[in-house]
Amino acid sequence: TNNEESVSLLQKLAKGDKNYPIWYCWGKPSSGKTHLIQAVCEQ
């Protein structure tokens, strides 16, 4: 919720999208950054 576009892009990254070599996620504490980064690793 409220992060649909970011999640969609990160899912593409997890498939090996190399159009951009650097990805930077930022947000307040408890926004879910660690969850998303580990989800990328898992995928």
All heavy atoms as atom14 arrays in JSON, in Angstrom:
{
  "sequence": "TNNEESVSLLQKLAKGDKNYPIWYCWGKPSSGKTHLIQAVCEQ",
  "atom14_mask": [
    [1, 1, 1, 1, 1, 1, 1, 0, 0, 0, 0, 0, 0, 0],
    [1, 1, 1, 1, 1, 1, 1, 1, 0, 0, 0, 0, 0, 0],
    [1, 1, 1, 1, 1, 1, 1, 1, 0, 0, 0, 0, 0, 0],
    [1, 1, 1, 1, 1, 1, 1, 1, 1, 0, 0, 0, 0, 0],
    [1, 1, 1, 1, 1, 1, 1, 1, 1, 0, 0, 0, 0, 0],
    [1, 1, 1, 1, 1, 1, 0, 0, 0, 0, 0, 0, 0, 0],
    [1, 1, 1, 1, 1, 1, 1, 0, 0, 0, 0, 0, 0, 0],
    [1, 1, 1, 1, 1, 1, 0, 0, 0, 0, 0, 0, 0, 0],
    [1, 1, 1, 1, 1, 1, 1, 1, 0, 0, 0, 0, 0, 0],
    [1, 1, 1, 1, 1, 1, 1, 1, 0, 0, 0, 0, 0, 0],
    [1, 1, 1, 1, 1, 1, 1, 1, 1, 0, 0, 0, 0, 0],
    [1, 1, 1, 1, 1, 1, 1, 1, 1, 0, 0, 0, 0, 0],
    [1, 1, 1, 1, 1, 1, 1, 1, 0, 0, 0, 0, 0, 0],
    [1, 1, 1, 1, 1, 0, 0, 0, 0, 0, 0, 0, 0, 0],
    [1, 1, 1, 1, 1, 1, 1, 1, 1, 0, 0, 0, 0, 0],
    [1, 1, 1, 1, 0, 0, 0, 0, 0, 0, 0, 0, 0, 0],
    [1, 1, 1, 1, 1, 1, 1, 1, 0, 0, 0, 0, 0, 0],
    [1, 1, 1, 1, 1, 1, 1, 1, 1, 0, 0, 0, 0, 0],
    [1, 1, 1, 1, 1, 1, 1, 1, 0, 0, 0, 0, 0, 0],
    [1, 1, 1, 1, 1, 1, 1, 1, 1, 1, 1, 1, 0, 0],
    [1, 1, 1, 1, 1, 1, 1, 0, 0, 0, 0, 0, 0, 0],
    [1, 1, 1, 1, 1, 1, 1, 1, 0, 0, 0, 0, 0, 0],
    [1, 1, 1, 1, 1, 1, 1, 1, 1, 1, 1, 1, 1, 1],
    [1, 1, 1, 1, 1, 1, 1, 1, 1, 1, 1, 1, 0, 0],
    [1, 1, 1, 1, 1, 1, 0, 0, 0, 0, 0, 0, 0, 0],
    [1, 1, 1, 1, 1, 1, 1, 1, 1, 1, 1, 1, 1, 1],
    [1, 1, 1, 1, 0, 0, 0, 0, 0, 0, 0, 0, 0, 0],
    [1, 1, 1, 1, 1, 1, 1, 1, 1, 0, 0, 0, 0, 0],
    [1, 1, 1, 1, 1, 1, 1, 0, 0, 0, 0, 0, 0, 0],
    [1, 1, 1, 1, 1, 1, 0, 0, 0, 0, 0, 0, 0, 0],
    [1, 1, 1, 1, 1, 1, 0, 0, 0, 0, 0, 0, 0, 0],
    [1, 1, 1, 1, 0, 0, 0, 0, 0, 0, 0, 0, 0, 0],
    [1, 1, 1, 1, 1, 1, 1, 1, 1, 0, 0, 0, 0, 0],
    [1, 1, 1, 1, 1, 1, 1, 0, 0, 0, 0, 0, 0, 0],
    [1, 1, 1, 1, 1, 1, 1, 1, 1, 1, 0, 0, 0, 0],
    [1, 1, 1, 1, 1, 1, 1, 1, 0, 0, 0, 0, 0, 0],
    [1, 1, 1, 1, 1, 1, 1, 1, 0, 0, 0, 0, 0, 0],
    [1, 1, 1, 1, 1, 1, 1, 1, 1, 0, 0, 0, 0, 0],
    [1, 1, 1, 1, 1, 0, 0, 0, 0, 0, 0, 0, 0, 0],
    [1, 1, 1, 1, 1, 1, 1, 0, 0, 0, 0, 0, 0, 0],
    [1, 1, 1, 1, 1, 1, 0, 0, 0, 0, 0, 0, 0, 0],
    [1, 1, 1, 1, 1, 1, 1, 1, 1, 0, 0, 0, 0, 0],
    [1, 1, 1, 1, 1, 1, 1, 1, 1, 0, 0, 0, 0, 0]
  ],
  "atom14_positions": [
    [[0.83, -1.2, 0.0], [0.0, 0.0, 0.0], [0.87, 1.26, 0.0], [1.76, 1.4, 0.83], [-0.92, 0.02, 1.24], [-1.71, -1.17, 1.27], [-1.83, 1.24, 1.2], [0.0, 0.0, 0.0], [0.0, 0.0, 0.0], [0.0, 0.0, 0.0], [0.0, 0.0, 0.0], [0.0, 0.0, 0.0], [0.0, 0.0, 0.0], [0.0, 0.0, 0.0]],
    [[0.62, 2.14, -0.94], [1.37, 3.39, -1.13], [2.78, 3.18, -1.65], [3.55, 4.14, -1.77], [1.44, 4.21, 0.18], [0.09, 4.75, 0.59], [-0.83, 4.85, -0.22], [-0.05, 5.09, 1.86], [0.0, 0.0, 0.0], [0.0, 0.0, 0.0], [0.0, 0.0, 0.0], [0.0, 0.0, 0.0], [0.0, 0.0, 0.0], [0.0, 0.0, 0.0]],
    [[3.13, 1.94, -1.97], [4.47, 1.64, -2.51], [4.4, 0.72, -3.72], [5.37, 0.03, -4.04], [5.33, 0.98, -1.42], [5.73, 1.96, -0.32], [6.38, 2.97, -0.57], [5.33, 1.65, 0.9], [0.0, 0.0, 0.0], [0.0, 0.0, 0.0], [0.0, 0.0, 0.0], [0.0, 0.0, 0.0], [0.0, 0.0, 0.0], [0.0, 0.0, 0.0]],
    [[3.28, 0.72, -4.41], [3.07, -0.23, -5.5], [4.13, -0.11, -6.59], [4.68, -1.12, -7.06], [1.68, -0.04, -6.11], [0.52, -0.42, -5.21], [0.07, 0.69, -4.28], [0.75, 1.74, -4.26], [-0.95, 0.52, -3.59], [0.0, 0.0, 0.0], [0.0, 0.0, 0.0], [0.0, 0.0, 0.0], [0.0, 0.0, 0.0], [0.0, 0.0, 0.0]],
    [[4.44, 1.1, -7.01], [5.41, 1.27, -8.1], [6.81, 0.82, -7.67], [7.52, 0.15, -8.43], [5.45, 2.74, -8.55], [6.38, 2.96, -9.73], [6.37, 4.4, -10.22], [5.64, 5.24, -9.66], [7.1, 4.7, -11.19], [0.0, 0.0, 0.0], [0.0, 0.0, 0.0], [0.0, 0.0, 0.0], [0.0, 0.0, 0.0], [0.0, 0.0, 0.0]],
    [[7.21, 1.19, -6.46], [8.53, 0.8, -5.97], [8.66, -0.72, -5.88], [9.68, -1.29, -6.27], [8.8, 1.42, -4.59], [8.88, 2.83, -4.69], [0.0, 0.0, 0.0], [0.0, 0.0, 0.0], [0.0, 0.0, 0.0], [0.0, 0.0, 0.0], [0.0, 0.0, 0.0], [0.0, 0.0, 0.0], [0.0, 0.0, 0.0], [0.0, 0.0, 0.0]],
    [[7.63, -1.37, -5.37], [7.65, -2.83, -5.24], [7.73, -3.47, -6.62], [8.49, -4.43, -6.84], [6.42, -3.33, -4.47], [6.32, -4.85, -4.54], [6.49, -2.88, -3.02], [0.0, 0.0, 0.0], [0.0, 0.0, 0.0], [0.0, 0.0, 0.0], [0.0, 0.0, 0.0], [0.0, 0.0, 0.0], [0.0, 0.0, 0.0], [0.0, 0.0, 0.0]],
    [[6.98, -2.95, -7.57], [7.01, -3.49, -8.93], [8.4, -3.39, -9.54], [8.9, -4.34, -10.17], [5.99, -2.75, -9.8], [6.04, -3.21, -11.14], [0.0, 0.0, 0.0], [0.0, 0.0, 0.0], [0.0, 0.0, 0.0], [0.0, 0.0, 0.0], [0.0, 0.0, 0.0], [0.0, 0.0, 0.0], [0.0, 0.0, 0.0], [0.0, 0.0, 0.0]],
    [[9.07, -2.26, -9.35], [10.42, -2.07, -9.88], [11.42, -3.01, -9.2], [12.3, -3.58, -9.86], [10.85, -0.62, -9.7], [10.16, 0.4, -10.62], [10.49, 1.82, -10.16], [10.57, 0.19, -12.06], [0.0, 0.0, 0.0], [0.0, 0.0, 0.0], [0.0, 0.0, 0.0], [0.0, 0.0, 0.0], [0.0, 0.0, 0.0], [0.0, 0.0, 0.0]],
    [[11.28, -3.19, -7.89], [12.2, -4.07, -7.16], [12.0, -5.53, -7.57], [12.95, -6.31, -7.59], [12.01, -3.91, -5.66], [12.53, -2.58, -5.08], [12.1, -2.42, -3.63], [14.05, -2.49, -5.2], [0.0, 0.0, 0.0], [0.0, 0.0, 0.0], [0.0, 0.0, 0.0], [0.0, 0.0, 0.0], [0.0, 0.0, 0.0], [0.0, 0.0, 0.0]],
    [[10.78, -5.9, -7.92], [10.52, -7.25, -8.4], [11.23, -7.48, -9.74], [11.76, -8.57, -10.0], [9.02, -7.5, -8.53], [8.32, -7.64, -7.18], [6.82, -7.73, -7.31], [6.21, -7.08, -8.16], [6.2, -8.54, -6.46], [0.0, 0.0, 0.0], [0.0, 0.0, 0.0], [0.0, 0.0, 0.0], [0.0, 0.0, 0.0], [0.0, 0.0, 0.0]],
    [[11.27, -6.45, -10.58], [12.0, -6.54, -11.84], [13.5, -6.65, -11.58], [14.2, -7.41, -12.24], [11.7, -5.32, -12.72], [10.28, -5.27, -13.25], [10.06, -4.03, -14.11], [8.64, -3.97, -14.63], [8.42, -2.74, -15.46], [0.0, 0.0, 0.0], [0.0, 0.0, 0.0], [0.0, 0.0, 0.0], [0.0, 0.0, 0.0], [0.0, 0.0, 0.0]],
    [[13.97, -5.9, -10.59], [15.38, -5.97, -10.22], [15.76, -7.39, -9.8], [16.82, -7.9, -10.17], [15.66, -4.99, -9.08], [17.0, -5.14, -8.33], [18.17, -4.93, -9.28], [17.07, -4.17, -7.18], [0.0, 0.0, 0.0], [0.0, 0.0, 0.0], [0.0, 0.0, 0.0], [0.0, 0.0, 0.0], [0.0, 0.0, 0.0], [0.0, 0.0, 0.0]],
    [[14.89, -8.03, -9.03], [15.16, -9.38, -8.55], [15.24, -10.4, -9.67], [15.75, -11.51, -9.48], [14.09, -9.79, -7.54], [0.0, 0.0, 0.0], [0.0, 0.0, 0.0], [0.0, 0.0, 0.0], [0.0, 0.0, 0.0], [0.0, 0.0, 0.0], [0.0, 0.0, 0.0], [0.0, 0.0, 0.0], [0.0, 0.0, 0.0], [0.0, 0.0, 0.0]],
    [[14.73, -10.03, -10.83], [14.81, -10.92, -11.99], [16.08, -10.69, -12.8], [16.32, -11.35, -13.81], [13.59, -10.72, -12.89], [12.27, -11.12, -12.24], [11.09, -10.85, -13.16], [9.77, -11.25, -12.49], [8.59, -10.97, -13.36], [0.0, 0.0, 0.0], [0.0, 0.0, 0.0], [0.0, 0.0, 0.0], [0.0, 0.0, 0.0], [0.0, 0.0, 0.0]],
    [[16.89, -9.7, -12.35], [18.16, -9.45, -13.02], [18.16, -8.26, -13.95], [18.98, -8.18, -14.87], [0.0, 0.0, 0.0], [0.0, 0.0, 0.0], [0.0, 0.0, 0.0], [0.0, 0.0, 0.0], [0.0, 0.0, 0.0], [0.0, 0.0, 0.0], [0.0, 0.0, 0.0], [0.0, 0.0, 0.0], [0.0, 0.0, 0.0], [0.0, 0.0, 0.0]],
    [[17.24, -7.31, -13.73], [17.18, -6.1, -14.55], [18.46, -5.28, -14.36], [18.72, -4.76, -13.28], [15.97, -5.26, -14.14], [15.77, -4.03, -15.03], [16.68, -3.7, -15.81], [14.71, -3.4, -14.92], [0.0, 0.0, 0.0], [0.0, 0.0, 0.0], [0.0, 0.0, 0.0], [0.0, 0.0, 0.0], [0.0, 0.0, 0.0], [0.0, 0.0, 0.0]],
    [[19.26, -5.18, -15.42], [20.55, -4.49, -15.33], [20.56, -3.15, -16.07], [21.61, -2.62, -16.41], [21.66, -5.39, -15.86], [21.88, -6.65, -15.04], [23.05, -7.46, -15.54], [23.28, -8.7, -14.68], [24.44, -9.5, -15.16], [0.0, 0.0, 0.0], [0.0, 0.0, 0.0], [0.0, 0.0, 0.0], [0.0, 0.0, 0.0], [0.0, 0.0, 0.0]],
    [[19.38, -2.6, -16.3], [19.32, -1.3, -16.98], [19.95, -0.21, -16.12], [20.48, 0.77, -16.66], [17.87, -0.94, -17.29], [17.3, -1.8, -18.41], [18.01, -2.18, -19.33], [16.02, -2.13, -18.31], [0.0, 0.0, 0.0], [0.0, 0.0, 0.0], [0.0, 0.0, 0.0], [0.0, 0.0, 0.0], [0.0, 0.0, 0.0], [0.0, 0.0, 0.0]],
    [[19.89, -0.38, -14.8], [20.51, 0.57, -13.89], [21.37, -0.2, -12.89], [20.88, -1.11, -12.22], [19.45, 1.39, -13.15], [18.64, 2.29, -14.05], [17.44, 1.83, -14.6], [19.08, 3.56, -14.38], [16.69, 2.64, -15.44], [18.35, 4.38, -15.23], [17.15, 3.91, -15.75], [16.42, 4.71, -16.59], [0.0, 0.0, 0.0], [0.0, 0.0, 0.0]],
    [[22.65, 0.15, -12.75], [23.53, -0.6, -11.85], [23.35, -0.23, -10.38], [23.73, -1.01, -9.5], [24.93, -0.21, -12.33], [24.75, 1.17, -12.91], [23.38, 1.17, -13.52], [0.0, 0.0, 0.0], [0.0, 0.0, 0.0], [0.0, 0.0, 0.0], [0.0, 0.0, 0.0], [0.0, 0.0, 0.0], [0.0, 0.0, 0.0], [0.0, 0.0, 0.0]],
    [[22.79, 0.94, -10.09], [22.66, 1.41, -8.71], [21.18, 1.65, -8.39], [20.49, 2.36, -9.11], [23.45, 2.71, -8.48], [24.91, 2.52, -8.89], [23.36, 3.13, -7.02], [25.69, 3.81, -8.91], [0.0, 0.0, 0.0], [0.0, 0.0, 0.0], [0.0, 0.0, 0.0], [0.0, 0.0, 0.0], [0.0, 0.0, 0.0], [0.0, 0.0, 0.0]],
    [[20.74, 1.05, -7.3], [19.37, 1.24, -6.82], [19.45, 1.74, -5.37], [20.18, 1.19, -4.56], [18.6, -0.08, -6.87], [18.36, -0.58, -8.26], [19.29, -1.0, -9.16], [17.09, -0.73, -8.9], [18.7, -1.39, -10.32], [17.34, -1.25, -10.19], [15.77, -0.49, -8.5], [16.31, -1.52, -11.08], [14.75, -0.77, -9.39], [15.02, -1.28, -10.67]],
    [[18.67, 2.76, -5.09], [18.74, 3.41, -3.78], [17.33, 3.52, -3.2], [16.47, 4.21, -3.76], [19.38, 4.79, -3.92], [19.68, 5.49, -2.62], [20.93, 5.35, -2.0], [18.73, 6.3, -2.0], [21.22, 5.99, -0.81], [19.01, 6.94, -0.8], [20.26, 6.79, -0.22], [20.54, 7.42, 0.97], [0.0, 0.0, 0.0], [0.0, 0.0, 0.0]],
    [[17.07, 2.81, -2.08], [15.78, 2.86, -1.4], [15.92, 3.66, -0.11], [16.82, 3.38, 0.68], [15.3, 1.45, -1.05], [14.93, 0.41, -2.44], [0.0, 0.0, 0.0], [0.0, 0.0, 0.0], [0.0, 0.0, 0.0], [0.0, 0.0, 0.0], [0.0, 0.0, 0.0], [0.0, 0.0, 0.0], [0.0, 0.0, 0.0], [0.0, 0.0, 0.0]],
    [[15.05, 4.61, 0.08], [15.14, 5.39, 1.31], [13.75, 5.66, 1.87], [12.74, 5.67, 1.17], [15.87, 6.71, 1.07], [15.18, 7.66, 0.12], [15.15, 7.59, -1.25], [14.41, 8.8, 0.48], [14.41, 8.62, -1.77], [13.95, 9.39, -0.73], [14.08, 9.4, 1.69], [13.16, 10.54, -0.76], [13.28, 10.55, 1.68], [12.84, 11.11, 0.46]],
    [[13.71, 5.85, 3.19], [12.45, 6.12, 3.86], [12.65, 6.12, 5.36], [13.71, 5.76, 5.87], [0.0, 0.0, 0.0], [0.0, 0.0, 0.0], [0.0, 0.0, 0.0], [0.0, 0.0, 0.0], [0.0, 0.0, 0.0], [0.0, 0.0, 0.0], [0.0, 0.0, 0.0], [0.0, 0.0, 0.0], [0.0, 0.0, 0.0], [0.0, 0.0, 0.0]],
    [[11.62, 6.51, 6.07], [11.69, 6.6, 7.52], [11.84, 5.22, 8.14], [11.58, 4.2, 7.5], [10.42, 7.28, 8.06], [10.27, 8.73, 7.64], [9.0, 9.33, 8.2], [8.84, 10.79, 7.8], [7.59, 11.39, 8.32], [0.0, 0.0, 0.0], [0.0, 0.0, 0.0], [0.0, 0.0, 0.0], [0.0, 0.0, 0.0], [0.0, 0.0, 0.0]],
    [[12.31, 5.16, 9.41], [12.39, 3.87, 10.1], [11.05, 3.14, 10.06], [9.99, 3.76, 10.15], [12.77, 4.26, 11.52], [13.49, 5.57, 11.38], [12.8, 6.28, 10.25], [0.0, 0.0, 0.0], [0.0, 0.0, 0.0], [0.0, 0.0, 0.0], [0.0, 0.0, 0.0], [0.0, 0.0, 0.0], [0.0, 0.0, 0.0], [0.0, 0.0, 0.0]],
    [[11.11, 1.82, 9.9], [9.93, 0.96, 9.87], [9.07, 1.14, 8.64], [7.9, 0.74, 8.62], [9.06, 1.16, 11.13], [9.79, 0.79, 12.27], [0.0, 0.0, 0.0], [0.0, 0.0, 0.0], [0.0, 0.0, 0.0], [0.0, 0.0, 0.0], [0.0, 0.0, 0.0], [0.0, 0.0, 0.0], [0.0, 0.0, 0.0], [0.0, 0.0, 0.0]],
    [[9.63, 1.72, 7.59], [8.87, 1.84, 6.34], [8.91, 0.55, 5.54], [8.15, 0.39, 4.59], [9.41, 3.0, 5.49], [10.79, 2.83, 5.23], [0.0, 0.0, 0.0], [0.0, 0.0, 0.0], [0.0, 0.0, 0.0], [0.0, 0.0, 0.0], [0.0, 0.0, 0.0], [0.0, 0.0, 0.0], [0.0, 0.0, 0.0], [0.0, 0.0, 0.0]],
    [[9.79, -0.37, 5.93], [9.84, -1.66, 5.24], [11.03, -1.84, 4.32], [11.05, -2.75, 3.49], [0.0, 0.0, 0.0], [0.0, 0.0, 0.0], [0.0, 0.0, 0.0], [0.0, 0.0, 0.0], [0.0, 0.0, 0.0], [0.0, 0.0, 0.0], [0.0, 0.0, 0.0], [0.0, 0.0, 0.0], [0.0, 0.0, 0.0], [0.0, 0.0, 0.0]],
    [[12.04, -1.0, 4.47], [13.22, -1.08, 3.57], [13.94, -2.42, 3.71], [14.28, -3.05, 2.7], [14.18, 0.07, 3.87], [13.57, 1.46, 3.7], [14.58, 2.56, 3.96], [15.09, 2.58, 5.4], [14.04, 2.85, 6.38], [0.0, 0.0, 0.0], [0.0, 0.0, 0.0], [0.0, 0.0, 0.0], [0.0, 0.0, 0.0], [0.0, 0.0, 0.0]],
    [[14.17, -2.84, 4.95], [14.86, -4.12, 5.16], [14.03, -5.28, 4.62], [14.56, -6.2, 3.99], [15.16, -4.33, 6.65], [16.14, -3.37, 7.07], [15.71, -5.73, 6.91], [0.0, 0.0, 0.0], [0.0, 0.0, 0.0], [0.0, 0.0, 0.0], [0.0, 0.0, 0.0], [0.0, 0.0, 0.0], [0.0, 0.0, 0.0], [0.0, 0.0, 0.0]],
    [[12.74, -5.22, 4.86], [11.84, -6.26, 4.33], [11.98, -6.34, 2.82], [12.15, -7.44, 2.25], [10.4, -5.92, 4.72], [9.41, -7.0, 4.38], [8.38, -7.35, 5.22], [9.28, -7.8, 3.29], [7.66, -8.32, 4.68], [8.19, -8.6, 3.49], [0.0, 0.0, 0.0], [0.0, 0.0, 0.0], [0.0, 0.0, 0.0], [0.0, 0.0, 0.0]],
    [[11.95, -5.21, 2.14], [12.01, -5.2, 0.68], [13.37, -5.66, 0.16], [13.45, -6.41, -0.82], [11.69, -3.8, 0.15], [10.2, -3.44, 0.16], [10.01, -1.97, -0.22], [9.42, -4.33, -0.79], [0.0, 0.0, 0.0], [0.0, 0.0, 0.0], [0.0, 0.0, 0.0], [0.0, 0.0, 0.0], [0.0, 0.0, 0.0], [0.0, 0.0, 0.0]],
    [[14.44, -5.2, 0.8], [15.77, -5.61, 0.34], [15.94, -7.12, 0.49], [16.47, -7.8, -0.4], [16.87, -4.86, 1.11], [17.05, -3.46, 0.53], [18.19, -5.6, 1.06], [18.26, -2.73, 1.04], [0.0, 0.0, 0.0], [0.0, 0.0, 0.0], [0.0, 0.0, 0.0], [0.0, 0.0, 0.0], [0.0, 0.0, 0.0], [0.0, 0.0, 0.0]],
    [[15.47, -7.67, 1.62], [15.59, -9.11, 1.81], [14.65, -9.87, 0.88], [14.96, -10.99, 0.45], [15.35, -9.46, 3.27], [16.42, -8.89, 4.18], [16.47, -9.55, 5.55], [15.86, -10.59, 5.78], [17.21, -8.95, 6.45], [0.0, 0.0, 0.0], [0.0, 0.0, 0.0], [0.0, 0.0, 0.0], [0.0, 0.0, 0.0], [0.0, 0.0, 0.0]],
    [[13.52, -9.25, 0.54], [12.63, -9.87, -0.44], [13.29, -9.94, -1.81], [13.15, -10.93, -2.54], [11.32, -9.08, -0.53], [0.0, 0.0, 0.0], [0.0, 0.0, 0.0], [0.0, 0.0, 0.0], [0.0, 0.0, 0.0], [0.0, 0.0, 0.0], [0.0, 0.0, 0.0], [0.0, 0.0, 0.0], [0.0, 0.0, 0.0], [0.0, 0.0, 0.0]],
    [[14.03, -8.89, -2.16], [14.78, -8.89, -3.43], [15.8, -10.03, -3.42], [15.95, -10.77, -4.4], [15.49, -7.54, -3.65], [16.47, -7.63, -4.82], [14.46, -6.45, -3.94], [0.0, 0.0, 0.0], [0.0, 0.0, 0.0], [0.0, 0.0, 0.0], [0.0, 0.0, 0.0], [0.0, 0.0, 0.0], [0.0, 0.0, 0.0], [0.0, 0.0, 0.0]],
    [[16.52, -10.2, -2.31], [17.52, -11.27, -2.2], [16.86, -12.64, -2.33], [17.36, -13.52, -3.05], [18.25, -11.18, -0.86], [19.33, -9.76, -0.69], [0.0, 0.0, 0.0], [0.0, 0.0, 0.0], [0.0, 0.0, 0.0], [0.0, 0.0, 0.0], [0.0, 0.0, 0.0], [0.0, 0.0, 0.0], [0.0, 0.0, 0.0], [0.0, 0.0, 0.0]],
    [[15.73, -12.81, -1.64], [15.03, -14.09, -1.68], [14.57, -14.42, -3.1], [14.74, -15.55, -3.59], [13.83, -14.03, -0.72], [13.1, -15.34, -0.53], [11.93, -15.52, -1.48], [11.47, -14.52, -2.06], [11.49, -16.68, -1.65], [0.0, 0.0, 0.0], [0.0, 0.0, 0.0], [0.0, 0.0, 0.0], [0.0, 0.0, 0.0], [0.0, 0.0, 0.0]],
    [[14.05, -13.41, -3.8], [13.57, -13.64, -5.16], [14.73, -13.83, -6.13], [14.66, -14.65, -7.05], [12.7, -12.46, -5.61], [11.98, -12.69, -6.93], [11.01, -13.85, -6.85], [10.16, -13.89, -5.96], [11.12, -14.8, -7.75], [0.0, 0.0, 0.0], [0.0, 0.0, 0.0], [0.0, 0.0, 0.0], [0.0, 0.0, 0.0], [0.0, 0.0, 0.0]]
  ]
}
